[in-house]
Amino acid sequence: MTRTTDDTPFHQRLIGWRIAGWSTAAALLALPAIAMQFSDEVDWTTGDFAMATVILLITGLAAEGGLRLARSWQHLIGFALAIFAAFFTVWSNLAVGIIGDEDASINPRFFTLLAMAIVASILLRFRPRAMATITGILAVSQLALGLAAQRIMPGHDVEWGVLALLAALWFAASLSFHSMARAEARTEAMRNT
């Protein structure tokens, strides 16, 4: 007996995307190794490759979790945007620092916010309404950290473009989760009538 698409769990319908995602992670890891063969400007150490592997592995596992938790495209887009925003936050902060250089005193606060958001998401079981609130708070927090940096670190450059991009990613994730929460509420209301 053949199962129809409607009977197939959402995450199983996306197997091609899962393969593409893991292939992209492998390609991102291979790029610096290939570039090092042709240019002295790219100079990654074993530690750089180890850190990149850990970051890409955690990102990939988070994406797998998002695929399994997603119940619709809206939900999946919310997870994808949030995971990309988290990845970009970690990668850029470790590479050069979001504000000033990587040793600037405010940069660890981006990691603190991210860790708090992950813990809250787990405790609230990744529910769409909770995720909408958490990612919305992260959107505002990016800009708030920029303003705080201007006050506590005068003379350091604040990368408003990067902060705006991060805020936009978190805000878009929030809108997607909010849309999913509203859809769930409508479905629940229809069941109760």
N, C-alpha and C. Protein backbone atom coordinates (compact mmCIF):
# COMPACT_ATOMS: atom_id res chain seq x y z
N MET A 1 0.84 -1.17 0.00
CA MET A 1 0.00 0.00 0.00
C MET A 1 0.89 1.24 0.00
N THR A 2 0.59 2.17 -0.88
CA THR A 2 1.38 3.39 -1.02
C THR A 2 0.75 4.51 -0.19
N ARG A 3 1.60 5.18 0.58
CA ARG A 3 1.10 6.31 1.36
C ARG A 3 1.06 7.55 0.49
N THR A 4 0.05 8.37 0.70
CA THR A 4 -0.05 9.62 -0.06
C THR A 4 0.81 10.68 0.62
N THR A 5 1.06 11.76 -0.10
CA THR A 5 1.85 12.87 0.44
C THR A 5 1.22 13.41 1.72
N ASP A 6 -0.12 13.45 1.78
CA ASP A 6 -0.80 13.99 2.95
C ASP A 6 -0.56 13.13 4.19
N ASP A 7 -0.32 11.84 4.01
CA ASP A 7 -0.06 10.95 5.14
C ASP A 7 1.41 10.97 5.56
N THR A 8 2.26 11.42 4.69
CA THR A 8 3.69 11.44 4.97
C THR A 8 4.03 12.59 5.90
N PRO A 9 4.76 12.31 6.99
CA PRO A 9 5.16 13.42 7.87
C PRO A 9 5.90 14.50 7.09
N PHE A 10 5.68 15.74 7.51
CA PHE A 10 6.22 16.89 6.79
C PHE A 10 7.72 16.76 6.58
N HIS A 11 8.47 16.38 7.62
CA HIS A 11 9.93 16.33 7.50
C HIS A 11 10.39 15.26 6.51
N GLN A 12 9.61 14.21 6.31
CA GLN A 12 10.02 13.16 5.37
C GLN A 12 9.80 13.58 3.93
N ARG A 13 8.96 14.57 3.70
CA ARG A 13 8.74 15.08 2.35
C ARG A 13 9.89 15.95 1.88
N LEU A 14 10.81 16.29 2.77
CA LEU A 14 11.87 17.24 2.46
C LEU A 14 13.25 16.58 2.41
N ILE A 15 13.33 15.33 2.09
CA ILE A 15 14.60 14.60 2.11
C ILE A 15 15.63 15.24 1.18
N GLY A 16 15.20 15.74 0.04
CA GLY A 16 16.13 16.39 -0.89
C GLY A 16 16.77 17.62 -0.28
N TRP A 17 15.99 18.39 0.47
CA TRP A 17 16.52 19.58 1.15
C TRP A 17 17.51 19.20 2.24
N ARG A 18 17.25 18.08 2.89
CA ARG A 18 18.17 17.63 3.94
C ARG A 18 19.52 17.26 3.32
N ILE A 19 19.48 16.55 2.22
CA ILE A 19 20.72 16.17 1.53
C ILE A 19 21.45 17.42 1.05
N ALA A 20 20.71 18.37 0.48
CA ALA A 20 21.32 19.62 0.01
C ALA A 20 21.94 20.40 1.17
N GLY A 21 21.29 20.41 2.31
CA GLY A 21 21.82 21.12 3.47
C GLY A 21 23.14 20.55 3.96
N TRP A 22 23.20 19.23 4.11
CA TRP A 22 24.45 18.60 4.58
C TRP A 22 25.54 18.73 3.53
N SER A 23 25.17 18.68 2.25
CA SER A 23 26.16 18.86 1.18
C SER A 23 26.72 20.28 1.19
N THR A 24 25.85 21.25 1.45
CA THR A 24 26.29 22.64 1.53
C THR A 24 27.26 22.83 2.70
N ALA A 25 26.96 22.21 3.83
CA ALA A 25 27.86 22.31 4.99
C ALA A 25 29.23 21.72 4.65
N ALA A 26 29.24 20.58 3.97
CA ALA A 26 30.52 19.98 3.58
C ALA A 26 31.28 20.87 2.60
N ALA A 27 30.55 21.48 1.68
CA ALA A 27 31.19 22.37 0.70
C ALA A 27 31.76 23.61 1.38
N LEU A 28 31.01 24.17 2.35
CA LEU A 28 31.52 25.34 3.09
C LEU A 28 32.80 24.99 3.84
N LEU A 29 32.87 23.80 4.35
CA LEU A 29 34.07 23.37 5.08
C LEU A 29 35.23 23.12 4.13
N ALA A 30 34.93 22.67 2.92
CA ALA A 30 35.98 22.38 1.94
C ALA A 30 36.53 23.64 1.27
N LEU A 31 35.72 24.68 1.18
CA LEU A 31 36.15 25.90 0.47
C LEU A 31 37.47 26.48 0.97
N PRO A 32 37.66 26.67 2.28
CA PRO A 32 38.95 27.22 2.72
C PRO A 32 40.12 26.29 2.41
N ALA A 33 39.89 24.98 2.50
CA ALA A 33 40.96 24.03 2.19
C ALA A 33 41.37 24.13 0.72
N ILE A 34 40.40 24.29 -0.14
CA ILE A 34 40.68 24.44 -1.57
C ILE A 34 41.36 25.79 -1.83
N ALA A 35 40.83 26.85 -1.21
CA ALA A 35 41.41 28.19 -1.41
C ALA A 35 42.85 28.25 -0.92
N MET A 36 43.19 27.51 0.13
CA MET A 36 44.56 27.52 0.65
C MET A 36 45.55 26.94 -0.37
N GLN A 37 45.07 26.12 -1.28
CA GLN A 37 45.93 25.55 -2.31
C GLN A 37 46.33 26.58 -3.36
N PHE A 38 45.53 27.64 -3.49
CA PHE A 38 45.75 28.62 -4.56
C PHE A 38 46.15 30.00 -4.07
N SER A 39 46.03 30.26 -2.77
CA SER A 39 46.31 31.60 -2.27
C SER A 39 46.90 31.54 -0.86
N ASP A 40 47.87 32.42 -0.62
CA ASP A 40 48.45 32.53 0.72
C ASP A 40 47.59 33.41 1.63
N GLU A 41 46.60 34.09 1.07
CA GLU A 41 45.74 34.96 1.87
C GLU A 41 44.77 34.17 2.74
N VAL A 42 44.47 32.96 2.35
CA VAL A 42 43.61 32.09 3.16
C VAL A 42 44.54 31.18 3.95
N ASP A 43 44.51 31.31 5.27
CA ASP A 43 45.45 30.58 6.11
C ASP A 43 44.73 30.03 7.34
N TRP A 44 43.98 28.96 7.14
CA TRP A 44 43.26 28.35 8.24
C TRP A 44 44.15 27.36 8.96
N THR A 45 44.02 27.32 10.28
CA THR A 45 44.76 26.34 11.09
C THR A 45 43.86 25.14 11.35
N THR A 46 44.42 24.13 11.95
CA THR A 46 43.63 22.96 12.33
C THR A 46 42.51 23.38 13.28
N GLY A 47 42.82 24.31 14.19
CA GLY A 47 41.80 24.82 15.11
C GLY A 47 40.66 25.51 14.39
N ASP A 48 40.99 26.26 13.32
CA ASP A 48 39.94 26.92 12.54
C ASP A 48 39.01 25.90 11.90
N PHE A 49 39.60 24.84 11.34
CA PHE A 49 38.78 23.79 10.71
C PHE A 49 37.95 23.04 11.76
N ALA A 50 38.54 22.81 12.94
CA ALA A 50 37.81 22.12 14.01
C ALA A 50 36.62 22.97 14.45
N MET A 51 36.84 24.27 14.65
CA MET A 51 35.76 25.16 15.09
C MET A 51 34.68 25.25 14.01
N ALA A 52 35.08 25.37 12.76
CA ALA A 52 34.10 25.43 11.67
C ALA A 52 33.28 24.14 11.61
N THR A 53 33.95 23.01 11.81
CA THR A 53 33.25 21.72 11.80
C THR A 53 32.21 21.66 12.91
N VAL A 54 32.59 22.09 14.10
CA VAL A 54 31.65 22.08 15.23
C VAL A 54 30.47 23.00 14.95
N ILE A 55 30.74 24.21 14.47
CA ILE A 55 29.66 25.17 14.19
C ILE A 55 28.72 24.63 13.11
N LEU A 56 29.29 24.08 12.04
CA LEU A 56 28.45 23.55 10.95
C LEU A 56 27.69 22.30 11.40
N LEU A 57 28.29 21.48 12.23
CA LEU A 57 27.61 20.28 12.74
C LEU A 57 26.43 20.69 13.63
N ILE A 58 26.65 21.62 14.53
CA ILE A 58 25.56 22.08 15.40
C ILE A 58 24.46 22.73 14.57
N THR A 59 24.84 23.52 13.57
CA THR A 59 23.85 24.15 12.69
C THR A 59 23.05 23.09 11.94
N GLY A 60 23.74 22.09 11.42
CA GLY A 60 23.06 21.01 10.70
C GLY A 60 22.11 20.22 11.58
N LEU A 61 22.55 19.93 12.80
CA LEU A 61 21.68 19.20 13.73
C LEU A 61 20.47 20.05 14.14
N ALA A 62 20.70 21.35 14.31
CA ALA A 62 19.58 22.25 14.60
C ALA A 62 18.59 22.26 13.43
N ALA A 63 19.11 22.27 12.21
CA ALA A 63 18.24 22.24 11.03
C ALA A 63 17.46 20.94 10.98
N GLU A 64 18.10 19.83 11.30
CA GLU A 64 17.39 18.54 11.35
C GLU A 64 16.27 18.59 12.39
N GLY A 65 16.57 19.18 13.54
CA GLY A 65 15.54 19.33 14.57
C GLY A 65 14.40 20.21 14.10
N GLY A 66 14.73 21.32 13.44
CA GLY A 66 13.70 22.20 12.90
C GLY A 66 12.83 21.49 11.88
N LEU A 67 13.46 20.67 11.03
CA LEU A 67 12.69 19.90 10.04
C LEU A 67 11.72 18.94 10.71
N ARG A 68 12.16 18.33 11.79
CA ARG A 68 11.30 17.36 12.48
C ARG A 68 10.18 18.05 13.26
N LEU A 69 10.44 19.25 13.78
CA LEU A 69 9.43 19.97 14.55
C LEU A 69 8.45 20.73 13.67
N ALA A 70 8.86 21.11 12.47
CA ALA A 70 8.02 21.92 11.58
C ALA A 70 6.80 21.14 11.14
N ARG A 71 5.66 21.83 11.20
CA ARG A 71 4.41 21.22 10.77
C ARG A 71 3.86 21.85 9.51
N SER A 72 4.54 22.89 9.03
CA SER A 72 4.09 23.57 7.80
C SER A 72 5.28 24.34 7.24
N TRP A 73 5.08 24.90 6.06
CA TRP A 73 6.14 25.72 5.45
C TRP A 73 6.42 26.96 6.28
N GLN A 74 5.37 27.59 6.83
CA GLN A 74 5.57 28.78 7.67
C GLN A 74 6.48 28.45 8.84
N HIS A 75 6.19 27.33 9.47
CA HIS A 75 6.96 26.88 10.63
C HIS A 75 8.40 26.59 10.22
N LEU A 76 8.57 25.91 9.11
CA LEU A 76 9.90 25.57 8.63
C LEU A 76 10.71 26.82 8.29
N ILE A 77 10.08 27.78 7.65
CA ILE A 77 10.77 29.03 7.31
C ILE A 77 11.21 29.76 8.59
N GLY A 78 10.36 29.75 9.61
CA GLY A 78 10.73 30.36 10.88
C GLY A 78 11.97 29.70 11.47
N PHE A 79 11.97 28.37 11.49
CA PHE A 79 13.15 27.66 12.00
C PHE A 79 14.39 27.94 11.14
N ALA A 80 14.22 27.93 9.82
CA ALA A 80 15.36 28.17 8.93
C ALA A 80 15.96 29.55 9.16
N LEU A 81 15.12 30.56 9.26
CA LEU A 81 15.61 31.93 9.48
C LEU A 81 16.30 32.05 10.84
N ALA A 82 15.70 31.46 11.86
CA ALA A 82 16.29 31.54 13.20
C ALA A 82 17.63 30.80 13.25
N ILE A 83 17.71 29.64 12.62
CA ILE A 83 18.95 28.88 12.61
C ILE A 83 20.03 29.62 11.83
N PHE A 84 19.66 30.21 10.69
CA PHE A 84 20.65 30.98 9.93
C PHE A 84 21.12 32.20 10.71
N ALA A 85 20.19 32.89 11.38
CA ALA A 85 20.57 34.07 12.17
C ALA A 85 21.52 33.66 13.30
N ALA A 86 21.25 32.54 13.94
CA ALA A 86 22.13 32.06 15.01
C ALA A 86 23.51 31.70 14.45
N PHE A 87 23.52 30.98 13.32
CA PHE A 87 24.78 30.61 12.67
C PHE A 87 25.59 31.86 12.31
N PHE A 88 24.93 32.83 11.69
CA PHE A 88 25.60 34.06 11.26
C PHE A 88 26.13 34.85 12.46
N THR A 89 25.36 34.86 13.54
CA THR A 89 25.80 35.54 14.76
C THR A 89 27.09 34.92 15.29
N VAL A 90 27.09 33.60 15.41
CA VAL A 90 28.26 32.90 15.96
C VAL A 90 29.45 33.05 15.02
N TRP A 91 29.24 32.78 13.75
CA TRP A 91 30.35 32.80 12.78
C TRP A 91 31.00 34.18 12.70
N SER A 92 30.18 35.21 12.53
CA SER A 92 30.73 36.56 12.39
C SER A 92 31.37 37.05 13.68
N ASN A 93 30.79 36.69 14.80
CA ASN A 93 31.34 37.14 16.08
C ASN A 93 32.68 36.46 16.36
N LEU A 94 32.79 35.19 16.03
CA LEU A 94 34.07 34.50 16.24
C LEU A 94 35.13 34.95 15.24
N ALA A 95 34.71 35.25 14.02
CA ALA A 95 35.67 35.61 12.98
C ALA A 95 36.26 37.00 13.20
N VAL A 96 35.43 37.99 13.35
CA VAL A 96 35.93 39.36 13.43
C VAL A 96 35.28 40.19 14.52
N GLY A 97 34.26 39.67 15.16
CA GLY A 97 33.52 40.45 16.15
C GLY A 97 32.46 41.29 15.46
N ILE A 98 31.29 41.32 16.06
CA ILE A 98 30.20 42.10 15.47
C ILE A 98 30.40 43.58 15.75
N ILE A 99 30.89 43.89 16.94
CA ILE A 99 31.16 45.28 17.31
C ILE A 99 32.63 45.37 17.67
N GLY A 100 33.34 46.27 17.00
CA GLY A 100 34.78 46.37 17.22
C GLY A 100 35.47 45.11 16.71
N ASP A 101 36.45 44.62 17.45
CA ASP A 101 37.10 43.36 17.07
C ASP A 101 36.53 42.23 17.92
N GLU A 102 37.00 41.01 17.67
CA GLU A 102 36.44 39.85 18.37
C GLU A 102 36.67 39.88 19.88
N ASP A 103 37.60 40.72 20.35
CA ASP A 103 37.88 40.81 21.78
C ASP A 103 37.10 41.92 22.48
N ALA A 104 36.27 42.66 21.77
CA ALA A 104 35.50 43.76 22.37
C ALA A 104 34.58 43.20 23.45
N SER A 105 34.47 43.94 24.54
CA SER A 105 33.75 43.44 25.72
C SER A 105 32.27 43.19 25.48
N ILE A 106 31.67 43.80 24.49
CA ILE A 106 30.23 43.63 24.27
C ILE A 106 29.90 42.38 23.44
N ASN A 107 30.84 41.90 22.66
CA ASN A 107 30.56 40.77 21.77
C ASN A 107 30.10 39.50 22.48
N PRO A 108 30.62 39.14 23.66
CA PRO A 108 30.10 37.94 24.34
C PRO A 108 28.61 38.04 24.68
N ARG A 109 28.09 39.23 24.73
CA ARG A 109 26.66 39.39 25.05
C ARG A 109 25.77 38.84 23.94
N PHE A 110 26.27 38.84 22.70
CA PHE A 110 25.51 38.21 21.61
C PHE A 110 25.38 36.71 21.87
N PHE A 111 26.47 36.09 22.36
CA PHE A 111 26.42 34.66 22.69
C PHE A 111 25.49 34.41 23.87
N THR A 112 25.52 35.31 24.87
CA THR A 112 24.66 35.17 26.04
C THR A 112 23.19 35.22 25.63
N LEU A 113 22.83 36.20 24.79
CA LEU A 113 21.45 36.29 24.31
C LEU A 113 21.04 35.03 23.56
N LEU A 114 21.93 34.55 22.72
CA LEU A 114 21.63 33.35 21.94
C LEU A 114 21.44 32.14 22.85
N ALA A 115 22.32 31.99 23.84
CA ALA A 115 22.21 30.86 24.77
C ALA A 115 20.90 30.95 25.56
N MET A 116 20.54 32.15 26.02
CA MET A 116 19.29 32.32 26.75
C MET A 116 18.09 31.99 25.86
N ALA A 117 18.15 32.37 24.60
CA ALA A 117 17.06 32.08 23.67
C ALA A 117 16.93 30.58 23.43
N ILE A 118 18.06 29.90 23.32
CA ILE A 118 18.02 28.44 23.10
C ILE A 118 17.41 27.75 24.31
N VAL A 119 17.84 28.13 25.51
CA VAL A 119 17.30 27.53 26.73
C VAL A 119 15.79 27.81 26.82
N ALA A 120 15.38 29.05 26.58
CA ALA A 120 13.95 29.38 26.63
C ALA A 120 13.16 28.59 25.60
N SER A 121 13.71 28.42 24.40
CA SER A 121 13.03 27.67 23.35
C SER A 121 12.83 26.22 23.76
N ILE A 122 13.86 25.64 24.36
CA ILE A 122 13.75 24.25 24.82
C ILE A 122 12.72 24.13 25.93
N LEU A 123 12.79 25.03 26.92
CA LEU A 123 11.85 24.98 28.04
C LEU A 123 10.41 25.18 27.59
N LEU A 124 10.21 25.99 26.56
CA LEU A 124 8.86 26.26 26.05
C LEU A 124 8.49 25.33 24.89
N ARG A 125 9.33 24.32 24.69
CA ARG A 125 9.08 23.22 23.74
C ARG A 125 8.88 23.69 22.31
N PHE A 126 9.57 24.76 21.93
CA PHE A 126 9.59 25.26 20.55
C PHE A 126 8.19 25.56 20.01
N ARG A 127 7.27 25.91 20.89
CA ARG A 127 5.91 26.25 20.45
C ARG A 127 5.96 27.51 19.60
N PRO A 128 5.17 27.57 18.52
CA PRO A 128 5.23 28.72 17.61
C PRO A 128 5.03 30.07 18.30
N ARG A 129 4.07 30.19 19.20
CA ARG A 129 3.83 31.48 19.86
C ARG A 129 5.05 31.88 20.69
N ALA A 130 5.62 30.92 21.41
CA ALA A 130 6.82 31.20 22.21
C ALA A 130 7.99 31.57 21.32
N MET A 131 8.15 30.84 20.22
CA MET A 131 9.25 31.13 19.29
C MET A 131 9.09 32.51 18.66
N ALA A 132 7.85 32.91 18.39
CA ALA A 132 7.61 34.25 17.84
C ALA A 132 8.09 35.32 18.83
N THR A 133 7.79 35.10 20.10
CA THR A 133 8.20 36.07 21.13
C THR A 133 9.72 36.07 21.30
N ILE A 134 10.31 34.90 21.39
CA ILE A 134 11.76 34.78 21.61
C ILE A 134 12.53 35.42 20.45
N THR A 135 12.16 35.10 19.22
CA THR A 135 12.89 35.66 18.08
C THR A 135 12.62 37.15 17.93
N GLY A 136 11.43 37.61 18.33
CA GLY A 136 11.15 39.04 18.32
C GLY A 136 12.04 39.78 19.32
N ILE A 137 12.22 39.20 20.49
CA ILE A 137 13.11 39.79 21.50
C ILE A 137 14.54 39.83 20.97
N LEU A 138 14.97 38.77 20.30
CA LEU A 138 16.33 38.75 19.74
C LEU A 138 16.49 39.84 18.68
N ALA A 139 15.46 40.10 17.89
CA ALA A 139 15.53 41.15 16.86
C ALA A 139 15.80 42.50 17.50
N VAL A 140 15.04 42.81 18.54
CA VAL A 140 15.21 44.10 19.22
C VAL A 140 16.55 44.15 19.94
N SER A 141 16.97 43.02 20.50
CA SER A 141 18.22 42.96 21.27
C SER A 141 19.45 43.27 20.42
N GLN A 142 19.43 42.90 19.14
CA GLN A 142 20.58 43.18 18.28
C GLN A 142 20.85 44.69 18.23
N LEU A 143 19.78 45.44 18.01
CA LEU A 143 19.92 46.90 17.92
C LEU A 143 20.22 47.50 19.29
N ALA A 144 19.64 46.94 20.34
CA ALA A 144 19.90 47.43 21.69
C ALA A 144 21.37 47.25 22.06
N LEU A 145 21.97 46.13 21.65
CA LEU A 145 23.40 45.93 21.91
C LEU A 145 24.25 46.95 21.15
N GLY A 146 23.83 47.32 19.96
CA GLY A 146 24.55 48.35 19.21
C GLY A 146 24.51 49.68 19.92
N LEU A 147 23.33 50.03 20.43
CA LEU A 147 23.20 51.28 21.18
C LEU A 147 24.01 51.24 22.48
N ALA A 148 23.99 50.10 23.15
CA ALA A 148 24.78 49.94 24.38
C ALA A 148 26.26 50.07 24.07
N ALA A 149 26.69 49.51 22.95
CA ALA A 149 28.12 49.58 22.58
C ALA A 149 28.55 51.03 22.37
N GLN A 150 27.69 51.82 21.77
CA GLN A 150 28.04 53.22 21.55
C GLN A 150 28.24 53.96 22.87
N ARG A 151 27.48 53.57 23.89
CA ARG A 151 27.58 54.25 25.18
C ARG A 151 28.76 53.74 26.01
N ILE A 152 28.98 52.42 26.01
CA ILE A 152 30.02 51.88 26.90
C ILE A 152 31.38 51.71 26.22
N MET A 153 31.40 51.80 24.90
CA MET A 153 32.65 51.65 24.16
C MET A 153 32.82 52.78 23.15
N PRO A 154 32.89 54.03 23.61
CA PRO A 154 33.02 55.12 22.64
C PRO A 154 34.29 54.96 21.81
N GLY A 155 34.19 55.28 20.56
CA GLY A 155 35.35 55.17 19.67
C GLY A 155 35.39 53.87 18.89
N HIS A 156 34.61 52.87 19.31
CA HIS A 156 34.54 51.61 18.56
C HIS A 156 33.49 51.74 17.47
N ASP A 157 33.78 51.14 16.34
CA ASP A 157 32.80 51.15 15.26
C ASP A 157 31.70 50.14 15.53
N VAL A 158 30.46 50.59 15.39
CA VAL A 158 29.31 49.70 15.49
C VAL A 158 28.91 49.36 14.07
N GLU A 159 28.88 48.10 13.75
CA GLU A 159 28.51 47.65 12.40
C GLU A 159 27.00 47.59 12.29
N TRP A 160 26.40 48.76 12.04
CA TRP A 160 24.94 48.84 11.99
C TRP A 160 24.35 48.00 10.87
N GLY A 161 25.08 47.83 9.77
CA GLY A 161 24.58 46.99 8.69
C GLY A 161 24.43 45.54 9.12
N VAL A 162 25.43 45.03 9.83
CA VAL A 162 25.37 43.65 10.33
C VAL A 162 24.27 43.52 11.37
N LEU A 163 24.20 44.49 12.28
CA LEU A 163 23.15 44.44 13.31
C LEU A 163 21.76 44.52 12.68
N ALA A 164 21.60 45.36 11.66
CA ALA A 164 20.31 45.47 10.99
C ALA A 164 19.95 44.17 10.28
N LEU A 165 20.95 43.53 9.66
CA LEU A 165 20.70 42.24 9.00
C LEU A 165 20.28 41.19 10.02
N LEU A 166 20.99 41.12 11.14
CA LEU A 166 20.62 40.15 12.18
C LEU A 166 19.22 40.45 12.72
N ALA A 167 18.94 41.72 12.98
CA ALA A 167 17.61 42.09 13.48
C ALA A 167 16.53 41.71 12.47
N ALA A 168 16.79 41.95 11.19
CA ALA A 168 15.82 41.61 10.15
C ALA A 168 15.59 40.11 10.07
N LEU A 169 16.65 39.32 10.18
CA LEU A 169 16.50 37.86 10.16
C LEU A 169 15.67 37.37 11.34
N TRP A 170 15.99 37.89 12.54
CA TRP A 170 15.23 37.47 13.73
C TRP A 170 13.78 37.94 13.62
N PHE A 171 13.56 39.14 13.10
CA PHE A 171 12.20 39.66 12.97
C PHE A 171 11.41 38.84 11.95
N ALA A 172 12.03 38.48 10.84
CA ALA A 172 11.36 37.66 9.83
C ALA A 172 11.00 36.29 10.41
N ALA A 173 11.90 35.71 11.21
CA ALA A 173 11.60 34.44 11.87
C ALA A 173 10.42 34.61 12.82
N SER A 174 10.40 35.73 13.55
CA SER A 174 9.30 36.00 14.47
C SER A 174 7.97 36.08 13.74
N LEU A 175 7.96 36.77 12.60
CA LEU A 175 6.73 36.88 11.81
C LEU A 175 6.26 35.51 11.32
N SER A 176 7.20 34.69 10.91
CA SER A 176 6.86 33.36 10.42
C SER A 176 6.27 32.50 11.54
N PHE A 177 6.90 32.53 12.71
CA PHE A 177 6.37 31.77 13.86
C PHE A 177 5.01 32.32 14.29
N HIS A 178 4.86 33.64 14.25
CA HIS A 178 3.59 34.26 14.61
C HIS A 178 2.48 33.81 13.66
N SER A 179 2.80 33.75 12.38
CA SER A 179 1.84 33.28 11.37
C SER A 179 1.43 31.84 11.66
N MET A 180 2.39 31.00 12.02
CA MET A 180 2.10 29.61 12.35
C MET A 180 1.23 29.53 13.60
N ALA A 181 1.53 30.35 14.61
CA ALA A 181 0.75 30.35 15.84
C ALA A 181 -0.70 30.75 15.57
N ARG A 182 -0.89 31.75 14.70
CA ARG A 182 -2.25 32.16 14.35
C ARG A 182 -2.99 31.05 13.61
N ALA A 183 -2.29 30.36 12.71
CA ALA A 183 -2.91 29.26 11.98
C ALA A 183 -3.33 28.15 12.94
N GLU A 184 -2.47 27.85 13.91
CA GLU A 184 -2.81 26.82 14.90
C GLU A 184 -4.02 27.25 15.73
N ALA A 185 -4.07 28.52 16.12
CA ALA A 185 -5.19 29.02 16.91
C ALA A 185 -6.50 28.93 16.12
N ARG A 186 -6.45 29.25 14.83
CA ARG A 186 -7.66 29.13 13.99
C ARG A 186 -8.11 27.68 13.89
N THR A 187 -7.16 26.78 13.70
CA THR A 187 -7.48 25.35 13.59
C THR A 187 -8.10 24.86 14.90
N GLU A 188 -7.53 25.27 16.01
CA GLU A 188 -8.05 24.86 17.33
C GLU A 188 -9.44 25.43 17.55
N ALA A 189 -9.67 26.67 17.13
CA ALA A 189 -10.99 27.27 17.28
C ALA A 189 -12.03 26.54 16.43
N MET A 190 -11.63 26.12 15.24
CA MET A 190 -12.56 25.38 14.37
C MET A 190 -12.89 24.01 14.97
N ARG A 191 -11.93 23.38 15.62
CA ARG A 191 -12.17 22.08 16.25
C ARG A 191 -13.15 22.20 17.42
N ASN A 192 -13.04 23.31 18.12
CA ASN A 192 -13.87 23.49 19.32
C ASN A 192 -15.29 23.95 19.00
N THR A 193 -15.57 24.30 17.74
CA THR A 193 -16.92 24.74 17.39
C THR A 193 -17.74 23.63 16.82
